Amino acid sequence: MPPRPLLAGLLALAAPAALAAQEPRPLTSPAAEAVADRYFSVAREAGGAAVVAVVKDGQILFSKGYGLANPKAGTQVDPATTLFRIGSVTKVFTAIAALQLIDRGVIDPAVDVNRYLASIGVRIADEYAEPVTIRDLLVVRAGRFDWTYSYYYPLHDDDHLRLPPDEVGRRFWRTAPPGDVQAYDNNGLGLVGLVSEAAAGKSYRDLVRTGILEPLGMTRSVVGVPKSRAPEMAG
């Protein structure tokens, strides 16, 4: 066994070489494609569909579609034209739209949301004395919200008929006071969107389109799935 000082010296000499070997190689389009192909090339066989996009220094380095956008027609996924639902990523758009209204002074994050909902005839009433505020809703500490009847996702959002205002208030209720529960909550974030609509006097779809999508040049993205865009959707 080498003496300890010699062993330490050998380790010190080996360290720079080992670190150099671990330095990341420059990210290239072929390298990104090789990784994406490794994981997503089975999409068609598995009956799935996906788009992979890699952005570097503010530019699209690589994008590619995998699987079939329309299995019956055999249409391939096109990363430039195929639409995908983004599911709960929409919560980020909802929060940004509300924060933009807060920045403009349209919404006071500390007041009872019923102040804004009154303009559309909706009132959230529950057993707790503490009001529901946008501030608590955005940090998911407004209390747990439940919908009296199970909600559903229509195929096209313009098939969804709006409930009468009094029915919204009757079905929507809180099961915990603010601050006691921090929970991932579809209904609570949905309420943020409804309050934003009421405060701005503009539809949620238009709030996201004009405040987020258009400034980012996302001209093909849309809130919901209008019937006119359904043929462009995967699956």
C-alpha atoms as a PDB file:
ATOM      1  CA  MET A   1       0.000   0.000   0.000  1.00  0.00           C
ATOM      2  CA  PRO A   2       1.523   3.398  -0.993  1.00  0.00           C
ATOM      3  CA  PRO A   3       2.350   5.864   1.779  1.00  0.00           C
ATOM      4  CA  ARG A   4      -0.501   8.297   2.481  1.00  0.00           C
ATOM      5  CA  PRO A   5       1.289  11.421   1.101  1.00  0.00           C
ATOM      6  CA  LEU A   6       2.007   9.603  -2.163  1.00  0.00           C
ATOM      7  CA  LEU A   7      -1.581   8.368  -2.407  1.00  0.00           C
ATOM      8  CA  ALA A   8      -2.894  11.891  -1.855  1.00  0.00           C
ATOM      9  CA  GLY A   9      -0.587  13.183  -4.565  1.00  0.00           C
ATOM     10  CA  LEU A  10      -1.775  10.538  -7.027  1.00  0.00           C
ATOM     11  CA  LEU A  11      -5.417  11.440  -6.321  1.00  0.00           C
ATOM     12  CA  ALA A  12      -4.691  15.128  -6.829  1.00  0.00           C
ATOM     13  CA  LEU A  13      -3.087  14.418 -10.198  1.00  0.00           C
ATOM     14  CA  ALA A  14      -5.967  12.191 -11.287  1.00  0.00           C
ATOM     15  CA  ALA A  15      -8.738  14.637 -10.285  1.00  0.00           C
ATOM     16  CA  PRO A  16      -8.275  17.215 -13.097  1.00  0.00           C
ATOM     17  CA  ALA A  17      -8.206  14.459 -15.722  1.00  0.00           C
ATOM     18  CA  ALA A  18     -11.400  12.906 -14.303  1.00  0.00           C
ATOM     19  CA  LEU A  19     -13.154  16.263 -14.221  1.00  0.00           C
ATOM     20  CA  ALA A  20     -12.107  17.013 -17.786  1.00  0.00           C
ATOM     21  CA  ALA A  21     -13.612  13.717 -18.909  1.00  0.00           C
ATOM     22  CA  GLN A  22     -16.927  14.724 -17.324  1.00  0.00           C
ATOM     23  CA  GLU A  23     -17.184  18.129 -19.001  1.00  0.00           C
ATOM     24  CA  PRO A  24     -20.422  18.278 -21.025  1.00  0.00           C
ATOM     25  CA  ARG A  25     -20.106  18.215 -24.767  1.00  0.00           C
ATOM     26  CA  PRO A  26     -21.725  21.039 -26.780  1.00  0.00           C
ATOM     27  CA  LEU A  27     -25.411  20.361 -27.350  1.00  0.00           C
ATOM     28  CA  THR A  28     -26.098  19.795 -31.027  1.00  0.00           C
ATOM     29  CA  SER A  29     -29.235  19.016 -32.996  1.00  0.00           C
ATOM     30  CA  PRO A  30     -28.045  15.477 -33.919  1.00  0.00           C
ATOM     31  CA  ALA A  31     -27.262  14.751 -30.250  1.00  0.00           C
ATOM     32  CA  ALA A  32     -30.689  15.954 -29.154  1.00  0.00           C
ATOM     33  CA  GLU A  33     -32.364  13.893 -31.864  1.00  0.00           C
ATOM     34  CA  ALA A  34     -30.455  10.777 -30.838  1.00  0.00           C
ATOM     35  CA  VAL A  35     -31.718  11.086 -27.262  1.00  0.00           C
ATOM     36  CA  ALA A  36     -35.283  11.848 -28.362  1.00  0.00           C
ATOM     37  CA  ASP A  37     -35.329   8.934 -30.802  1.00  0.00           C
ATOM     38  CA  ARG A  38     -34.118   6.609 -28.070  1.00  0.00           C
ATOM     39  CA  TYR A  39     -37.167   7.335 -25.906  1.00  0.00           C
ATOM     40  CA  PHE A  40     -39.923   8.358 -28.322  1.00  0.00           C
ATOM     41  CA  SER A  41     -39.428   6.287 -31.463  1.00  0.00           C
ATOM     42  CA  VAL A  42     -41.786   3.674 -29.987  1.00  0.00           C
ATOM     43  CA  ALA A  43     -44.675   6.171 -29.971  1.00  0.00           C
ATOM     44  CA  ARG A  44     -46.274   4.913 -33.166  1.00  0.00           C
ATOM     45  CA  GLU A  45     -46.036   1.267 -32.167  1.00  0.00           C
ATOM     46  CA  ALA A  46     -47.393   2.091 -28.699  1.00  0.00           C
ATOM     47  CA  GLY A  47     -50.300   4.074 -30.124  1.00  0.00           C
ATOM     48  CA  GLY A  48     -49.065   7.355 -28.693  1.00  0.00           C
ATOM     49  CA  ALA A  49     -48.149  10.758 -30.063  1.00  0.00           C
ATOM     50  CA  ALA A  50     -45.590  13.316 -28.924  1.00  0.00           C
ATOM     51  CA  VAL A  51     -43.539  16.316 -29.943  1.00  0.00           C
ATOM     52  CA  VAL A  52     -40.056  16.922 -28.580  1.00  0.00           C
ATOM     53  CA  ALA A  53     -38.549  20.406 -28.810  1.00  0.00           C
ATOM     54  CA  VAL A  54     -35.172  21.518 -27.494  1.00  0.00           C
ATOM     55  CA  VAL A  55     -34.464  25.241 -27.096  1.00  0.00           C
ATOM     56  CA  LYS A  56     -30.923  26.604 -26.735  1.00  0.00           C
ATOM     57  CA  ASP A  57     -29.981  30.268 -26.340  1.00  0.00           C
ATOM     58  CA  GLY A  58     -33.510  31.350 -27.202  1.00  0.00           C
ATOM     59  CA  GLN A  59     -33.609  29.398 -30.476  1.00  0.00           C
ATOM     60  CA  ILE A  60     -35.200  26.059 -31.372  1.00  0.00           C
ATOM     61  CA  LEU A  61     -32.267  23.693 -31.742  1.00  0.00           C
ATOM     62  CA  PHE A  62     -34.328  20.608 -32.539  1.00  0.00           C
ATOM     63  CA  SER A  63     -37.973  19.633 -32.900  1.00  0.00           C
ATOM     64  CA  LYS A  64     -39.540  16.430 -34.117  1.00  0.00           C
ATOM     65  CA  GLY A  65     -42.893  14.689 -34.017  1.00  0.00           C
ATOM     66  CA  TYR A  66     -43.390  11.060 -33.044  1.00  0.00           C
ATOM     67  CA  GLY A  67     -46.355   8.761 -33.629  1.00  0.00           C
ATOM     68  CA  LEU A  68     -49.597   9.473 -35.438  1.00  0.00           C
ATOM     69  CA  ALA A  69     -51.681  12.607 -35.064  1.00  0.00           C
ATOM     70  CA  ASN A  70     -54.623  10.829 -36.696  1.00  0.00           C
ATOM     71  CA  PRO A  71     -54.347   7.046 -36.408  1.00  0.00           C
ATOM     72  CA  LYS A  72     -57.315   6.407 -38.732  1.00  0.00           C
ATOM     73  CA  ALA A  73     -55.870   8.539 -41.510  1.00  0.00           C
ATOM     74  CA  GLY A  74     -52.273   7.554 -40.771  1.00  0.00           C
ATOM     75  CA  THR A  75     -51.254  11.211 -40.447  1.00  0.00           C
ATOM     76  CA  GLN A  76     -47.870  11.739 -38.833  1.00  0.00           C
ATOM     77  CA  VAL A  77     -47.394  14.171 -35.955  1.00  0.00           C
ATOM     78  CA  ASP A  78     -46.051  17.467 -37.284  1.00  0.00           C
ATOM     79  CA  PRO A  79     -44.254  19.549 -34.623  1.00  0.00           C
ATOM     80  CA  ALA A  80     -45.269  22.747 -36.419  1.00  0.00           C
ATOM     81  CA  THR A  81     -48.993  22.069 -36.778  1.00  0.00           C
ATOM     82  CA  THR A  82     -50.230  19.260 -34.485  1.00  0.00           C
ATOM     83  CA  LEU A  83     -52.036  20.520 -31.383  1.00  0.00           C
ATOM     84  CA  PHE A  84     -51.744  18.867 -27.956  1.00  0.00           C
ATOM     85  CA  ARG A  85     -53.678  19.502 -24.772  1.00  0.00           C
ATOM     86  CA  ILE A  86     -51.340  20.786 -22.052  1.00  0.00           C
ATOM     87  CA  GLY A  87     -53.573  19.778 -19.146  1.00  0.00           C
ATOM     88  CA  SER A  88     -52.608  21.258 -15.790  1.00  0.00           C
ATOM     89  CA  VAL A  89     -49.768  23.301 -17.288  1.00  0.00           C
ATOM     90  CA  THR A  90     -52.688  25.658 -17.942  1.00  0.00           C
ATOM     91  CA  LYS A  91     -52.533  26.532 -14.229  1.00  0.00           C
ATOM     92  CA  VAL A  92     -49.340  28.490 -14.947  1.00  0.00           C
ATOM     93  CA  PHE A  93     -51.132  30.549 -17.615  1.00  0.00           C
ATOM     94  CA  THR A  94     -54.024  31.150 -15.215  1.00  0.00           C
ATOM     95  CA  ALA A  95     -51.691  32.417 -12.499  1.00  0.00           C
ATOM     96  CA  ILE A  96     -49.801  34.680 -14.920  1.00  0.00           C
ATOM     97  CA  ALA A  97     -53.035  36.199 -16.236  1.00  0.00           C
ATOM     98  CA  ALA A  98     -54.144  36.959 -12.663  1.00  0.00           C
ATOM     99  CA  LEU A  99     -50.753  38.427 -11.732  1.00  0.00           C
ATOM    100  CA  GLN A 100     -50.886  40.711 -14.769  1.00  0.00           C
ATOM    101  CA  LEU A 101     -54.239  42.033 -13.555  1.00  0.00           C
ATOM    102  CA  ILE A 102     -52.773  42.520 -10.080  1.00  0.00           C
ATOM    103  CA  ASP A 103     -49.843  44.465 -11.575  1.00  0.00           C
ATOM    104  CA  ARG A 104     -52.287  46.725 -13.419  1.00  0.00           C
ATOM    105  CA  GLY A 105     -54.339  47.331 -10.278  1.00  0.00           C
ATOM    106  CA  VAL A 106     -57.397  45.567 -11.705  1.00  0.00           C
ATOM    107  CA  ILE A 107     -57.344  42.949  -8.918  1.00  0.00           C
ATOM    108  CA  ASP A 108     -56.459  43.566  -5.279  1.00  0.00           C
ATOM    109  CA  PRO A 109     -55.025  40.200  -4.165  1.00  0.00           C
ATOM    110  CA  ALA A 110     -56.034  40.756  -0.538  1.00  0.00           C
ATOM    111  CA  VAL A 111     -59.773  41.414  -0.930  1.00  0.00           C
ATOM    112  CA  ASP A 112     -62.689  38.990  -0.948  1.00  0.00           C
ATOM    113  CA  VAL A 113     -63.076  37.529  -4.457  1.00  0.00           C
ATOM    114  CA  ASN A 114     -66.828  38.050  -4.143  1.00  0.00           C
ATOM    115  CA  ARG A 115     -66.194  41.756  -4.800  1.00  0.00           C
ATOM    116  CA  TYR A 116     -65.240  40.832  -8.376  1.00  0.00           C
ATOM    117  CA  LEU A 117     -67.630  37.911  -8.836  1.00  0.00           C
ATOM    118  CA  ALA A 118     -70.574  40.184  -8.051  1.00  0.00           C
ATOM    119  CA  SER A 119     -70.225  41.709 -11.531  1.00  0.00           C
ATOM    120  CA  ILE A 120     -71.212  38.359 -13.068  1.00  0.00           C
ATOM    121  CA  GLY A 121     -73.791  37.488 -10.425  1.00  0.00           C
ATOM    122  CA  VAL A 122     -71.736  34.809  -8.673  1.00  0.00           C
ATOM    123  CA  ARG A 123     -71.149  34.579  -4.921  1.00  0.00           C
ATOM    124  CA  ILE A 124     -68.999  32.013  -3.138  1.00  0.00           C
ATOM    125  CA  ALA A 125     -70.589  31.383   0.257  1.00  0.00           C
ATOM    126  CA  ASP A 126     -69.263  28.983   2.872  1.00  0.00           C
ATOM    127  CA  GLU A 127     -69.083  28.416   6.615  1.00  0.00           C
ATOM    128  CA  TYR A 128     -65.729  30.120   7.209  1.00  0.00           C
ATOM    129  CA  ALA A 129     -65.406  33.740   8.288  1.00  0.00           C
ATOM    130  CA  GLU A 130     -62.140  34.303   6.413  1.00  0.00           C
ATOM    131  CA  PRO A 131     -62.750  35.532   2.868  1.00  0.00           C
ATOM    132  CA  VAL A 132     -61.437  33.778  -0.221  1.00  0.00           C
ATOM    133  CA  THR A 133     -58.677  35.945  -1.734  1.00  0.00           C
ATOM    134  CA  ILE A 134     -56.639  35.705  -4.906  1.00  0.00           C
ATOM    135  CA  ARG A 135     -53.473  35.826  -2.805  1.00  0.00           C
ATOM    136  CA  ASP A 136     -54.473  32.683  -0.926  1.00  0.00           C
ATOM    137  CA  LEU A 137     -55.683  31.001  -4.105  1.00  0.00           C
ATOM    138  CA  LEU A 138     -52.388  31.613  -5.930  1.00  0.00           C
ATOM    139  CA  VAL A 139     -50.338  30.062  -3.119  1.00  0.00           C
ATOM    140  CA  VAL A 140     -52.900  27.221  -2.822  1.00  0.00           C
ATOM    141  CA  ARG A 141     -53.675  28.114   0.799  1.00  0.00           C
ATOM    142  CA  ALA A 142     -57.236  29.369   0.358  1.00  0.00           C
ATOM    143  CA  GLY A 143     -58.694  26.154   1.725  1.00  0.00           C
ATOM    144  CA  ARG A 144     -59.738  23.090  -0.178  1.00  0.00           C
ATOM    145  CA  PHE A 145     -62.494  23.669  -2.753  1.00  0.00           C
ATOM    146  CA  ASP A 146     -64.936  21.072  -3.963  1.00  0.00           C
ATOM    147  CA  TRP A 147     -67.466  21.002  -6.763  1.00  0.00           C
ATOM    148  CA  THR A 148     -70.786  19.528  -5.712  1.00  0.00           C
ATOM    149  CA  TYR A 149     -71.023  17.431  -8.853  1.00  0.00           C
ATOM    150  CA  SER A 150     -68.150  15.815 -10.684  1.00  0.00           C
ATOM    151  CA  TYR A 151     -66.877  18.092 -13.411  1.00  0.00           C
ATOM    152  CA  TYR A 152     -66.184  16.739 -16.872  1.00  0.00           C
ATOM    153  CA  TYR A 153     -64.134  17.726 -19.879  1.00  0.00           C
ATOM    154  CA  PRO A 154     -66.199  18.223 -23.023  1.00  0.00           C
ATOM    155  CA  LEU A 155     -64.524  17.299 -26.293  1.00  0.00           C
ATOM    156  CA  HIS A 156     -64.858  20.882 -27.509  1.00  0.00           C
ATOM    157  CA  ASP A 157     -64.939  23.662 -24.944  1.00  0.00           C
ATOM    158  CA  ASP A 158     -67.483  25.638 -26.956  1.00  0.00           C
ATOM    159  CA  ASP A 159     -69.894  22.735 -26.338  1.00  0.00           C
ATOM    160  CA  HIS A 160     -69.740  23.594 -22.644  1.00  0.00           C
ATOM    161  CA  LEU A 161     -72.741  25.700 -21.704  1.00  0.00           C
ATOM    162  CA  ARG A 162     -72.127  28.143 -18.864  1.00  0.00           C
ATOM    163  CA  LEU A 163     -74.049  27.418 -15.694  1.00  0.00           C
ATOM    164  CA  PRO A 164     -76.364  30.111 -14.315  1.00  0.00           C
ATOM    165  CA  PRO A 165     -74.478  32.320 -11.808  1.00  0.00           C
ATOM    166  CA  ASP A 166     -76.508  31.191  -8.807  1.00  0.00           C
ATOM    167  CA  GLU A 167     -75.813  27.577  -9.729  1.00  0.00           C
ATOM    168  CA  VAL A 168     -72.040  28.217  -9.744  1.00  0.00           C
ATOM    169  CA  GLY A 169     -72.246  29.680  -6.246  1.00  0.00           C
ATOM    170  CA  ARG A 170     -74.414  26.792  -5.042  1.00  0.00           C
ATOM    171  CA  ARG A 171     -72.161  24.051  -6.355  1.00  0.00           C
ATOM    172  CA  PHE A 172     -68.810  25.552  -5.369  1.00  0.00           C
ATOM    173  CA  TRP A 173     -67.891  25.206  -1.699  1.00  0.00           C
ATOM    174  CA  ARG A 174     -64.879  25.237   0.594  1.00  0.00           C
ATOM    175  CA  THR A 175     -64.016  22.316   2.876  1.00  0.00           C
ATOM    176  CA  ALA A 176     -61.169  23.902   4.876  1.00  0.00           C
ATOM    177  CA  PRO A 177     -60.321  27.420   6.074  1.00  0.00           C
ATOM    178  CA  PRO A 178     -57.476  29.368   4.465  1.00  0.00           C
ATOM    179  CA  GLY A 179     -53.959  28.648   5.699  1.00  0.00           C
ATOM    180  CA  ASP A 180     -54.668  25.196   7.130  1.00  0.00           C
ATOM    181  CA  VAL A 181     -54.347  23.225   3.919  1.00  0.00           C
ATOM    182  CA  GLN A 182     -51.874  23.602   1.064  1.00  0.00           C
ATOM    183  CA  ALA A 183     -53.085  21.434  -1.762  1.00  0.00           C
ATOM    184  CA  TYR A 184     -52.979  21.048  -5.513  1.00  0.00           C
ATOM    185  CA  ASP A 185     -56.473  22.200  -6.366  1.00  0.00           C
ATOM    186  CA  ASN A 186     -58.107  22.255  -9.804  1.00  0.00           C
ATOM    187  CA  ASN A 187     -61.186  24.006  -8.466  1.00  0.00           C
ATOM    188  CA  GLY A 188     -59.235  26.706  -6.640  1.00  0.00           C
ATOM    189  CA  LEU A 189     -57.207  27.594  -9.725  1.00  0.00           C
ATOM    190  CA  GLY A 190     -60.381  27.503 -11.781  1.00  0.00           C
ATOM    191  CA  LEU A 191     -61.758  30.121  -9.409  1.00  0.00           C
ATOM    192  CA  VAL A 192     -58.698  32.311 -10.136  1.00  0.00           C
ATOM    193  CA  GLY A 193     -59.626  32.204 -13.821  1.00  0.00           C
ATOM    194  CA  LEU A 194     -63.269  33.024 -13.100  1.00  0.00           C
ATOM    195  CA  VAL A 195     -62.337  35.971 -10.859  1.00  0.00           C
ATOM    196  CA  SER A 196     -59.906  37.237 -13.522  1.00  0.00           C
ATOM    197  CA  GLU A 197     -62.674  37.137 -16.121  1.00  0.00           C
ATOM    198  CA  ALA A 198     -65.058  38.997 -13.837  1.00  0.00           C
ATOM    199  CA  ALA A 199     -62.526  41.655 -12.821  1.00  0.00           C
ATOM    200  CA  ALA A 200     -61.265  42.325 -16.344  1.00  0.00           C
ATOM    201  CA  GLY A 201     -64.617  42.069 -18.127  1.00  0.00           C
ATOM    202  CA  LYS A 202     -62.961  39.814 -20.657  1.00  0.00           C
ATOM    203  CA  SER A 203     -63.087  36.058 -21.272  1.00  0.00           C
ATOM    204  CA  TYR A 204     -60.360  33.849 -19.844  1.00  0.00           C
ATOM    205  CA  ARG A 205     -59.467  32.776 -23.372  1.00  0.00           C
ATOM    206  CA  ASP A 206     -58.940  36.390 -24.435  1.00  0.00           C
ATOM    207  CA  LEU A 207     -56.978  37.238 -21.273  1.00  0.00           C
ATOM    208  CA  VAL A 208     -54.479  34.467 -21.998  1.00  0.00           C
ATOM    209  CA  ARG A 209     -54.378  35.160 -25.726  1.00  0.00           C
ATOM    210  CA  THR A 210     -53.735  38.898 -25.500  1.00  0.00           C
ATOM    211  CA  GLY A 211     -51.659  38.887 -22.325  1.00  0.00           C
ATOM    212  CA  ILE A 212     -49.476  35.806 -22.828  1.00  0.00           C
ATOM    213  CA  LEU A 213     -49.731  33.957 -26.133  1.00  0.00           C
ATOM    214  CA  GLU A 214     -49.605  36.858 -28.584  1.00  0.00           C
ATOM    215  CA  PRO A 215     -46.725  38.708 -26.864  1.00  0.00           C
ATOM    216  CA  LEU A 216     -44.715  35.463 -27.004  1.00  0.00           C
ATOM    217  CA  GLY A 217     -45.499  34.922 -30.695  1.00  0.00           C
ATOM    218  CA  MET A 218     -47.495  31.767 -29.904  1.00  0.00           C
ATOM    219  CA  THR A 219     -49.884  32.345 -32.780  1.00  0.00           C
ATOM    220  CA  ARG A 220     -51.041  28.725 -33.081  1.00  0.00           C
ATOM    221  CA  SER A 221     -51.726  28.127 -29.387  1.00  0.00           C
ATOM    222  CA  VAL A 222     -55.265  28.482 -28.107  1.00  0.00           C
ATOM    223  CA  VAL A 223     -57.104  28.198 -24.800  1.00  0.00           C
ATOM    224  CA  GLY A 224     -59.446  25.233 -24.887  1.00  0.00           C
ATOM    225  CA  VAL A 225     -60.282  23.304 -28.036  1.00  0.00           C
ATOM    226  CA  PRO A 226     -62.686  25.149 -30.329  1.00  0.00           C
ATOM    227  CA  LYS A 227     -64.407  22.888 -32.858  1.00  0.00           C
ATOM    228  CA  SER A 228     -62.610  24.747 -35.633  1.00  0.00           C
ATOM    229  CA  ARG A 229     -59.243  23.526 -34.290  1.00  0.00           C
ATOM    230  CA  ALA A 230     -60.235  19.969 -33.454  1.00  0.00           C
ATOM    231  CA  PRO A 231     -58.900  18.485 -36.747  1.00  0.00           C
ATOM    232  CA  GLU A 232     -55.427  19.713 -35.801  1.00  0.00           C
ATOM    233  CA  MET A 233     -55.378  17.815 -32.488  1.00  0.00           C
ATOM    234  CA  ALA A 234     -53.401  14.669 -31.853  1.00  0.00           C
ATOM    235  CA  GLY A 235     -55.545  11.602 -31.385  1.00  0.00           C
END
